Amino acid sequence: MNSKIVRSEHCVIPISAKRQLKILLVEDDAALCEILKSILEDRGYACVACSDAADFGQLFRSFQPDLILIDYLLPTSNGGELCLGIKKNEAAANIPVVMMSSLPAYMLPLNFYNCDAFIQKPFSIKQLLKPVSSLLSSCGKITSDQKNNRSSRLSN
């Protein structure tokens, strides 16, 4: 399998053209979680989910995601604190984190949590996929052709 090294200001990543990108979803609303997983999988991403930060660590280590989507309001913890923990972890700091919340961005200390993007609920499929593909692209994990291919599936 041919692979190359991709460098950007955020990360240095060996990538392979055939590797499926992985997204870890932390969302406590079971129905929304299934919808998000379905949308992401339909766009070619591998996706696993957990409903709270308590299950995150083991899933993170075994799945080794390329991007993490986190709901801000979780049952036993704050998604922002989980994000901050990820960004403080040397092994995980370069993984893009997208925070989601029904609370407006101005009510959340997003700079403190160091999330890479924020999506306010409710959101459209396009509003979900735009930061996902943009962040993966900025880290060199997705090529512009792959980005265009995934975006074109929006109309299908």
C-alpha atoms as a PDB file:
ATOM      1  CA  MET A   1       0.000   0.000   0.000  1.00  0.00           C
ATOM      2  CA  ASN A   2       1.425   3.378  -1.011  1.00  0.00           C
ATOM      3  CA  SER A   3       1.488   5.995   1.680  1.00  0.00           C
ATOM      4  CA  LYS A   4       2.896   9.469   1.977  1.00  0.00           C
ATOM      5  CA  ILE A   5       3.600  11.969   4.714  1.00  0.00           C
ATOM      6  CA  VAL A   6       1.328  14.994   4.816  1.00  0.00           C
ATOM      7  CA  ARG A   7       2.382  18.056   6.781  1.00  0.00           C
ATOM      8  CA  SER A   8       0.259  20.997   7.838  1.00  0.00           C
ATOM      9  CA  GLU A   9       0.469  23.540  10.630  1.00  0.00           C
ATOM     10  CA  HIS A  10      -1.699  21.279  12.812  1.00  0.00           C
ATOM     11  CA  CYS A  11      -0.310  17.809  12.256  1.00  0.00           C
ATOM     12  CA  VAL A  12       2.131  15.435  10.582  1.00  0.00           C
ATOM     13  CA  ILE A  13       0.330  12.349   9.373  1.00  0.00           C
ATOM     14  CA  PRO A  14       1.298   9.321   7.320  1.00  0.00           C
ATOM     15  CA  ILE A  15      -1.734   8.645   5.127  1.00  0.00           C
ATOM     16  CA  SER A  16      -2.795   6.040   2.663  1.00  0.00           C
ATOM     17  CA  ALA A  17      -5.164   6.674  -0.214  1.00  0.00           C
ATOM     18  CA  LYS A  18      -7.181   3.582   0.719  1.00  0.00           C
ATOM     19  CA  ARG A  19      -7.542   4.277   4.442  1.00  0.00           C
ATOM     20  CA  GLN A  20     -11.063   4.966   5.687  1.00  0.00           C
ATOM     21  CA  LEU A  21     -11.254   8.063   7.877  1.00  0.00           C
ATOM     22  CA  LYS A  22     -12.560   7.479  11.387  1.00  0.00           C
ATOM     23  CA  ILE A  23     -14.875   9.692  13.416  1.00  0.00           C
ATOM     24  CA  LEU A  24     -15.650   9.173  17.091  1.00  0.00           C
ATOM     25  CA  LEU A  25     -19.021  10.603  18.127  1.00  0.00           C
ATOM     26  CA  VAL A  26     -19.917  11.439  21.744  1.00  0.00           C
ATOM     27  CA  GLU A  27     -23.675  12.077  21.860  1.00  0.00           C
ATOM     28  CA  ASP A  28     -26.160  11.094  24.562  1.00  0.00           C
ATOM     29  CA  ASP A  29     -29.318  11.456  22.429  1.00  0.00           C
ATOM     30  CA  ALA A  30     -29.636   7.927  21.006  1.00  0.00           C
ATOM     31  CA  ALA A  31     -31.861   8.933  18.066  1.00  0.00           C
ATOM     32  CA  LEU A  32     -29.585  11.820  17.038  1.00  0.00           C
ATOM     33  CA  CYS A  33     -26.541   9.609  17.482  1.00  0.00           C
ATOM     34  CA  GLU A  34     -27.936   7.015  15.049  1.00  0.00           C
ATOM     35  CA  ILE A  35     -28.828   9.723  12.512  1.00  0.00           C
ATOM     36  CA  LEU A  36     -25.348  11.279  12.721  1.00  0.00           C
ATOM     37  CA  LYS A  37     -23.658   7.884  12.408  1.00  0.00           C
ATOM     38  CA  SER A  38     -25.774   7.079   9.365  1.00  0.00           C
ATOM     39  CA  ILE A  39     -24.987  10.419   7.693  1.00  0.00           C
ATOM     40  CA  LEU A  40     -21.250  10.051   8.320  1.00  0.00           C
ATOM     41  CA  GLU A  41     -21.137   6.406   7.241  1.00  0.00           C
ATOM     42  CA  ASP A  42     -23.095   7.249   4.073  1.00  0.00           C
ATOM     43  CA  ARG A  43     -20.295   9.744   3.266  1.00  0.00           C
ATOM     44  CA  GLY A  44     -17.645   7.040   3.596  1.00  0.00           C
ATOM     45  CA  TYR A  45     -16.448   7.625   7.154  1.00  0.00           C
ATOM     46  CA  ALA A  46     -16.056   4.868   9.730  1.00  0.00           C
ATOM     47  CA  CYS A  47     -17.964   6.015  12.788  1.00  0.00           C
ATOM     48  CA  VAL A  48     -18.306   4.737  16.340  1.00  0.00           C
ATOM     49  CA  ALA A  49     -20.194   6.378  19.166  1.00  0.00           C
ATOM     50  CA  CYS A  50     -20.508   6.533  22.910  1.00  0.00           C
ATOM     51  CA  SER A  51     -23.063   8.357  25.026  1.00  0.00           C
ATOM     52  CA  ASP A  52     -20.821   9.793  27.737  1.00  0.00           C
ATOM     53  CA  ALA A  53     -17.258  10.703  28.619  1.00  0.00           C
ATOM     54  CA  ALA A  54     -17.014   7.657  30.895  1.00  0.00           C
ATOM     55  CA  ASP A  55     -16.936   5.382  27.837  1.00  0.00           C
ATOM     56  CA  PHE A  56     -14.739   7.686  25.763  1.00  0.00           C
ATOM     57  CA  GLY A  57     -11.207   6.698  26.871  1.00  0.00           C
ATOM     58  CA  GLN A  58     -11.294   3.024  25.992  1.00  0.00           C
ATOM     59  CA  LEU A  59     -13.156   3.659  22.735  1.00  0.00           C
ATOM     60  CA  PHE A  60     -10.684   6.405  21.799  1.00  0.00           C
ATOM     61  CA  ARG A  61      -7.670   4.148  22.372  1.00  0.00           C
ATOM     62  CA  SER A  62      -9.104   1.204  20.422  1.00  0.00           C
ATOM     63  CA  PHE A  63     -10.634   3.184  17.530  1.00  0.00           C
ATOM     64  CA  GLN A  64      -7.914   5.855  17.091  1.00  0.00           C
ATOM     65  CA  PRO A  65     -10.158   8.458  15.419  1.00  0.00           C
ATOM     66  CA  ASP A  66      -9.144  11.075  12.871  1.00  0.00           C
ATOM     67  CA  LEU A  67     -11.796  13.489  14.179  1.00  0.00           C
ATOM     68  CA  ILE A  68     -14.035  13.699  17.249  1.00  0.00           C
ATOM     69  CA  LEU A  69     -17.582  15.109  17.421  1.00  0.00           C
ATOM     70  CA  ILE A  70     -18.688  15.936  20.985  1.00  0.00           C
ATOM     71  CA  ASP A  71     -22.015  17.077  22.355  1.00  0.00           C
ATOM     72  CA  TYR A  72     -21.515  19.804  24.954  1.00  0.00           C
ATOM     73  CA  LEU A  73     -24.232  18.659  27.343  1.00  0.00           C
ATOM     74  CA  LEU A  74     -23.556  15.075  28.397  1.00  0.00           C
ATOM     75  CA  PRO A  75     -25.232  13.121  31.246  1.00  0.00           C
ATOM     76  CA  THR A  76     -22.364  12.946  33.730  1.00  0.00           C
ATOM     77  CA  SER A  77     -19.885  15.424  32.337  1.00  0.00           C
ATOM     78  CA  ASN A  78     -19.341  18.501  30.257  1.00  0.00           C
ATOM     79  CA  GLY A  79     -18.316  17.919  26.633  1.00  0.00           C
ATOM     80  CA  GLY A  80     -16.139  21.010  26.857  1.00  0.00           C
ATOM     81  CA  GLU A  81     -14.115  19.470  29.668  1.00  0.00           C
ATOM     82  CA  LEU A  82     -13.735  16.292  27.619  1.00  0.00           C
ATOM     83  CA  CYS A  83     -12.492  18.406  24.696  1.00  0.00           C
ATOM     84  CA  LEU A  84     -10.035  20.229  26.940  1.00  0.00           C
ATOM     85  CA  GLY A  85      -8.718  16.880  28.207  1.00  0.00           C
ATOM     86  CA  ILE A  86      -8.210  15.690  24.623  1.00  0.00           C
ATOM     87  CA  LYS A  87      -6.347  18.869  23.680  1.00  0.00           C
ATOM     88  CA  LYS A  88      -4.096  18.604  26.757  1.00  0.00           C
ATOM     89  CA  ASN A  89      -3.198  14.983  25.931  1.00  0.00           C
ATOM     90  CA  GLU A  90      -0.011  14.991  23.863  1.00  0.00           C
ATOM     91  CA  ALA A  91      -1.048  11.877  21.918  1.00  0.00           C
ATOM     92  CA  ALA A  92      -4.446  13.354  21.010  1.00  0.00           C
ATOM     93  CA  ALA A  93      -3.876  17.115  20.864  1.00  0.00           C
ATOM     94  CA  ASN A  94      -3.690  17.243  17.052  1.00  0.00           C
ATOM     95  CA  ILE A  95      -6.964  15.409  16.505  1.00  0.00           C
ATOM     96  CA  PRO A  96      -9.639  17.891  15.399  1.00  0.00           C
ATOM     97  CA  VAL A  97     -12.580  18.225  17.805  1.00  0.00           C
ATOM     98  CA  VAL A  98     -15.965  19.585  16.766  1.00  0.00           C
ATOM     99  CA  MET A  99     -18.254  20.644  19.614  1.00  0.00           C
ATOM    100  CA  MET A 100     -22.037  20.492  19.155  1.00  0.00           C
ATOM    101  CA  SER A 101     -24.642  22.124  21.368  1.00  0.00           C
ATOM    102  CA  SER A 102     -28.153  23.501  21.456  1.00  0.00           C
ATOM    103  CA  LEU A 103     -26.679  26.360  23.484  1.00  0.00           C
ATOM    104  CA  PRO A 104     -25.505  29.284  21.358  1.00  0.00           C
ATOM    105  CA  ALA A 105     -21.744  29.660  20.916  1.00  0.00           C
ATOM    106  CA  TYR A 106     -21.649  32.964  22.794  1.00  0.00           C
ATOM    107  CA  MET A 107     -22.798  31.139  25.959  1.00  0.00           C
ATOM    108  CA  LEU A 108     -19.923  28.649  25.858  1.00  0.00           C
ATOM    109  CA  PRO A 109     -16.247  29.315  26.636  1.00  0.00           C
ATOM    110  CA  LEU A 110     -15.166  27.638  23.380  1.00  0.00           C
ATOM    111  CA  ASN A 111     -11.701  29.232  23.358  1.00  0.00           C
ATOM    112  CA  PHE A 112     -11.067  27.791  26.803  1.00  0.00           C
ATOM    113  CA  TYR A 113     -11.950  24.283  25.608  1.00  0.00           C
ATOM    114  CA  ASN A 114      -9.773  24.591  22.469  1.00  0.00           C
ATOM    115  CA  CYS A 115     -12.311  22.951  20.182  1.00  0.00           C
ATOM    116  CA  ASP A 116     -11.544  23.294  16.487  1.00  0.00           C
ATOM    117  CA  ALA A 117     -15.103  24.017  15.371  1.00  0.00           C
ATOM    118  CA  PHE A 118     -18.580  24.533  16.798  1.00  0.00           C
ATOM    119  CA  ILE A 119     -21.941  23.470  15.378  1.00  0.00           C
ATOM    120  CA  GLN A 120     -25.124  24.821  16.939  1.00  0.00           C
ATOM    121  CA  LYS A 121     -28.069  22.428  17.122  1.00  0.00           C
ATOM    122  CA  PRO A 122     -30.283  22.037  15.247  1.00  0.00           C
ATOM    123  CA  PHE A 123     -28.086  21.865  12.156  1.00  0.00           C
ATOM    124  CA  SER A 124     -28.354  20.709   8.567  1.00  0.00           C
ATOM    125  CA  ILE A 125     -26.339  17.904   7.024  1.00  0.00           C
ATOM    126  CA  LYS A 126     -24.314  20.519   5.162  1.00  0.00           C
ATOM    127  CA  GLN A 127     -23.577  22.386   8.429  1.00  0.00           C
ATOM    128  CA  LEU A 128     -22.359  19.094   9.916  1.00  0.00           C
ATOM    129  CA  LEU A 129     -20.189  18.005   7.010  1.00  0.00           C
ATOM    130  CA  LYS A 130     -18.555  21.354   6.243  1.00  0.00           C
ATOM    131  CA  PRO A 131     -16.363  21.570   9.386  1.00  0.00           C
ATOM    132  CA  VAL A 132     -15.746  17.807   9.342  1.00  0.00           C
ATOM    133  CA  SER A 133     -14.305  17.803   5.818  1.00  0.00           C
ATOM    134  CA  SER A 134     -12.592  21.162   6.316  1.00  0.00           C
ATOM    135  CA  LEU A 135     -10.767  20.035   9.456  1.00  0.00           C
ATOM    136  CA  LEU A 136      -9.776  16.686   7.971  1.00  0.00           C
ATOM    137  CA  SER A 137      -8.560  18.516   4.889  1.00  0.00           C
ATOM    138  CA  SER A 138      -6.504  21.016   6.903  1.00  0.00           C
ATOM    139  CA  CYS A 139      -4.695  18.114   8.581  1.00  0.00           C
ATOM    140  CA  GLY A 140      -4.084  16.435   5.248  1.00  0.00           C
ATOM    141  CA  LYS A 141      -6.282  13.479   6.131  1.00  0.00           C
ATOM    142  CA  ILE A 142      -8.613  14.118   3.206  1.00  0.00           C
ATOM    143  CA  THR A 143      -7.666  15.271  -0.271  1.00  0.00           C
ATOM    144  CA  SER A 144      -9.606  17.921  -2.178  1.00  0.00           C
ATOM    145  CA  ASP A 145     -10.901  15.189  -4.524  1.00  0.00           C
ATOM    146  CA  GLN A 146     -12.179  13.168  -1.576  1.00  0.00           C
ATOM    147  CA  LYS A 147     -13.694  16.330  -0.079  1.00  0.00           C
ATOM    148  CA  ASN A 148     -15.510  17.137  -3.329  1.00  0.00           C
ATOM    149  CA  ASN A 149     -16.688  13.546  -3.672  1.00  0.00           C
ATOM    150  CA  ARG A 150     -18.115  13.525  -0.134  1.00  0.00           C
ATOM    151  CA  SER A 151     -19.704  16.963  -0.649  1.00  0.00           C
ATOM    152  CA  SER A 152     -21.315  15.879  -3.907  1.00  0.00           C
ATOM    153  CA  ARG A 153     -23.145  13.149  -2.023  1.00  0.00           C
ATOM    154  CA  LEU A 154     -25.121  15.895  -0.264  1.00  0.00           C
ATOM    155  CA  SER A 155     -27.389  16.214  -3.260  1.00  0.00           C
ATOM    156  CA  ASN A 156     -28.029  12.467  -3.424  1.00  0.00           C
END
